Amino acid sequence: AHVVATASGSKREFVEGCGADEVIDYTAVDFTEAVRDIDVVLDTIGGVTAERSLDVLRPGGHLVTAVVEEDAQLAAKYEAAGMRFSGIAVDPDPVALRGLVELVEQGRLRVHVQETFPFERVADAHRLLDSGHLQGKLVLTV
């Protein structure tokens, strides 16, 4: 796959290191003007971004959003344009989680942890999470 990602300019190297072939700096460029004929958009923002992604998909393209599991109005909009819409949700699945652990242990899956907090600093972790400027995951230790 040829992967095009959006990120702020300061995160370009990080995103390229995760495997992106191209990075669009969303603070400087409107992604709907930068790309066309995309097969699949993986949306983690939702709202207007999910709606505007319709403009970059090829005919028959597919929006997969991790923001909402169901959105009848947005799904109808995509269907009317001849495209597909899927909302995904994550439910706890111990078997799948063990599979992910195996992939990490084999070096086939990388997880970037930005910072680890002791449970006593959970408020600090939430403040960082709420800032919206993460580069990876936050971990709480108990």
Protein backbone atom coordinates (compact mmCIF):
# COMPACT_ATOMS: atom_id res chain seq x y z
CA ALA A 1 0.00 0.00 0.00
CA HIS A 2 1.05 3.57 -0.59
CA VAL A 3 0.22 5.35 2.68
CA VAL A 4 -0.58 9.07 2.83
CA ALA A 5 -0.92 10.48 6.35
CA THR A 6 -1.83 13.83 7.82
CA ALA A 7 0.11 15.28 10.74
CA SER A 8 1.53 18.58 11.88
CA GLY A 9 4.91 19.40 10.40
CA SER A 10 6.67 18.76 13.71
CA LYS A 11 5.54 15.11 13.61
CA ARG A 12 6.63 14.40 10.01
CA GLU A 13 9.65 12.26 10.94
CA PHE A 14 7.68 10.29 13.52
CA VAL A 15 4.88 9.53 11.04
CA GLU A 16 7.34 8.58 8.30
CA GLY A 17 9.04 6.32 10.82
CA CYS A 18 5.70 4.58 11.35
CA GLY A 19 5.62 3.78 7.63
CA ALA A 20 3.88 6.67 5.88
CA ASP A 21 5.07 7.21 2.30
CA GLU A 22 3.77 10.79 2.23
CA VAL A 23 2.88 13.19 5.03
CA ILE A 24 0.56 16.14 4.50
CA ASP A 25 1.09 18.93 7.03
CA TYR A 26 -2.54 19.70 7.87
CA THR A 27 -1.52 23.01 9.47
CA ALA A 28 -0.23 24.26 6.10
CA VAL A 29 -2.20 22.31 3.47
CA ASP A 30 -5.84 21.31 3.08
CA PHE A 31 -5.73 17.52 2.61
CA THR A 32 -8.70 17.69 0.20
CA GLU A 33 -6.56 19.76 -2.15
CA ALA A 34 -3.44 17.64 -1.75
CA VAL A 35 -4.67 14.14 -2.64
CA ARG A 36 -7.19 12.44 -4.92
CA ASP A 37 -8.28 8.94 -5.83
CA ILE A 38 -7.52 7.41 -2.44
CA ASP A 39 -8.79 3.84 -2.02
CA VAL A 40 -9.33 3.88 1.76
CA VAL A 41 -9.42 6.67 4.32
CA LEU A 42 -8.88 5.66 7.95
CA ASP A 43 -10.45 8.46 9.97
CA THR A 44 -9.51 9.01 13.60
CA ILE A 45 -10.81 12.59 13.83
CA GLY A 46 -14.49 12.39 12.82
CA GLY A 47 -16.88 15.27 12.31
CA VAL A 48 -16.09 17.54 9.38
CA THR A 49 -12.94 15.55 8.57
CA ALA A 50 -15.00 12.41 7.96
CA GLU A 51 -17.39 14.34 5.72
CA ARG A 52 -14.60 16.07 3.78
CA SER A 53 -12.82 12.75 3.20
CA LEU A 54 -15.49 12.01 0.60
CA ASP A 55 -13.69 14.50 -1.66
CA VAL A 56 -10.43 12.53 -1.73
CA LEU A 57 -11.75 9.01 -2.31
CA ARG A 58 -11.79 7.34 -5.70
CA PRO A 59 -15.12 6.09 -7.04
CA GLY A 60 -16.00 3.03 -4.95
CA GLY A 61 -13.62 4.14 -2.18
CA HIS A 62 -14.11 3.35 1.47
CA LEU A 63 -14.15 5.51 4.61
CA VAL A 64 -13.35 3.57 7.77
CA THR A 65 -13.83 5.64 10.89
CA ALA A 66 -12.68 4.75 14.38
CA VAL A 67 -14.66 7.67 15.81
CA VAL A 68 -18.21 6.38 15.57
CA GLU A 69 -19.48 2.86 15.09
CA GLU A 70 -22.68 3.98 13.38
CA ASP A 71 -23.67 7.21 11.62
CA ALA A 72 -26.68 6.66 9.37
CA GLN A 73 -26.53 10.16 7.89
CA LEU A 74 -22.86 9.95 6.97
CA ALA A 75 -23.25 6.38 5.70
CA ALA A 76 -26.13 7.53 3.45
CA LYS A 77 -24.00 10.37 2.09
CA TYR A 78 -21.18 7.96 1.18
CA GLU A 79 -23.59 5.41 -0.29
CA ALA A 80 -25.24 8.10 -2.44
CA ALA A 81 -21.79 8.96 -3.83
CA GLY A 82 -21.11 5.31 -4.67
CA MET A 83 -18.69 4.78 -1.81
CA ARG A 84 -18.59 2.67 1.32
CA PHE A 85 -18.68 3.72 4.97
CA SER A 86 -17.68 1.61 7.97
CA GLY A 87 -17.56 2.59 11.60
CA ILE A 88 -15.46 0.45 13.86
CA ALA A 89 -15.42 0.01 17.60
CA VAL A 90 -12.98 -1.81 19.79
CA ASP A 91 -14.26 -4.24 22.38
CA PRO A 92 -12.02 -5.98 24.90
CA ASP A 93 -10.83 -9.24 23.38
CA PRO A 94 -8.24 -11.17 25.42
CA VAL A 95 -7.43 -13.57 22.56
CA ALA A 96 -6.76 -10.74 20.11
CA LEU A 97 -4.71 -8.86 22.71
CA ARG A 98 -2.52 -11.93 23.25
CA GLY A 99 -2.02 -12.03 19.48
CA LEU A 100 -0.89 -8.40 19.53
CA VAL A 101 1.52 -9.14 22.37
CA GLU A 102 3.03 -11.93 20.26
CA LEU A 103 3.48 -9.55 17.32
CA VAL A 104 5.21 -7.01 19.58
CA GLU A 105 7.48 -9.70 21.01
CA GLN A 106 8.35 -10.85 17.46
CA GLY A 107 9.19 -7.27 16.47
CA ARG A 108 6.43 -7.26 13.84
CA LEU A 109 4.37 -4.59 15.63
CA ARG A 110 5.78 -1.46 17.21
CA VAL A 111 4.03 0.59 19.84
CA HIS A 112 5.34 4.07 20.53
CA VAL A 113 4.90 5.10 24.16
CA GLN A 114 5.27 8.83 24.61
CA GLU A 115 5.27 8.79 28.38
CA THR A 116 4.61 6.53 31.36
CA PHE A 117 2.87 7.88 34.45
CA PRO A 118 2.47 6.35 37.91
CA PHE A 119 -1.20 6.08 38.82
CA GLU A 120 -0.79 8.93 41.32
CA ARG A 121 -0.16 11.25 38.33
CA VAL A 122 -3.27 10.25 36.38
CA ALA A 123 -4.37 13.92 36.32
CA ASP A 124 -1.12 14.87 34.54
CA ALA A 125 -1.71 12.11 32.00
CA HIS A 126 -5.23 13.39 31.35
CA ARG A 127 -3.98 16.94 30.86
CA LEU A 128 -1.48 15.73 28.27
CA LEU A 129 -4.16 13.61 26.58
CA ASP A 130 -6.57 16.56 26.52
CA SER A 131 -3.92 18.78 24.90
CA GLY A 132 -4.35 16.75 21.71
CA HIS A 133 -0.64 16.82 20.98
CA LEU A 134 0.40 13.24 21.58
CA GLN A 135 2.97 11.31 19.66
CA GLY A 136 2.14 7.76 20.61
CA LYS A 137 0.47 6.26 23.65
CA LEU A 138 0.36 7.15 27.31
CA VAL A 139 0.80 4.38 29.88
CA LEU A 140 -0.42 4.35 33.48
CA THR A 141 1.37 2.06 35.88
CA VAL A 142 -0.56 0.66 38.81
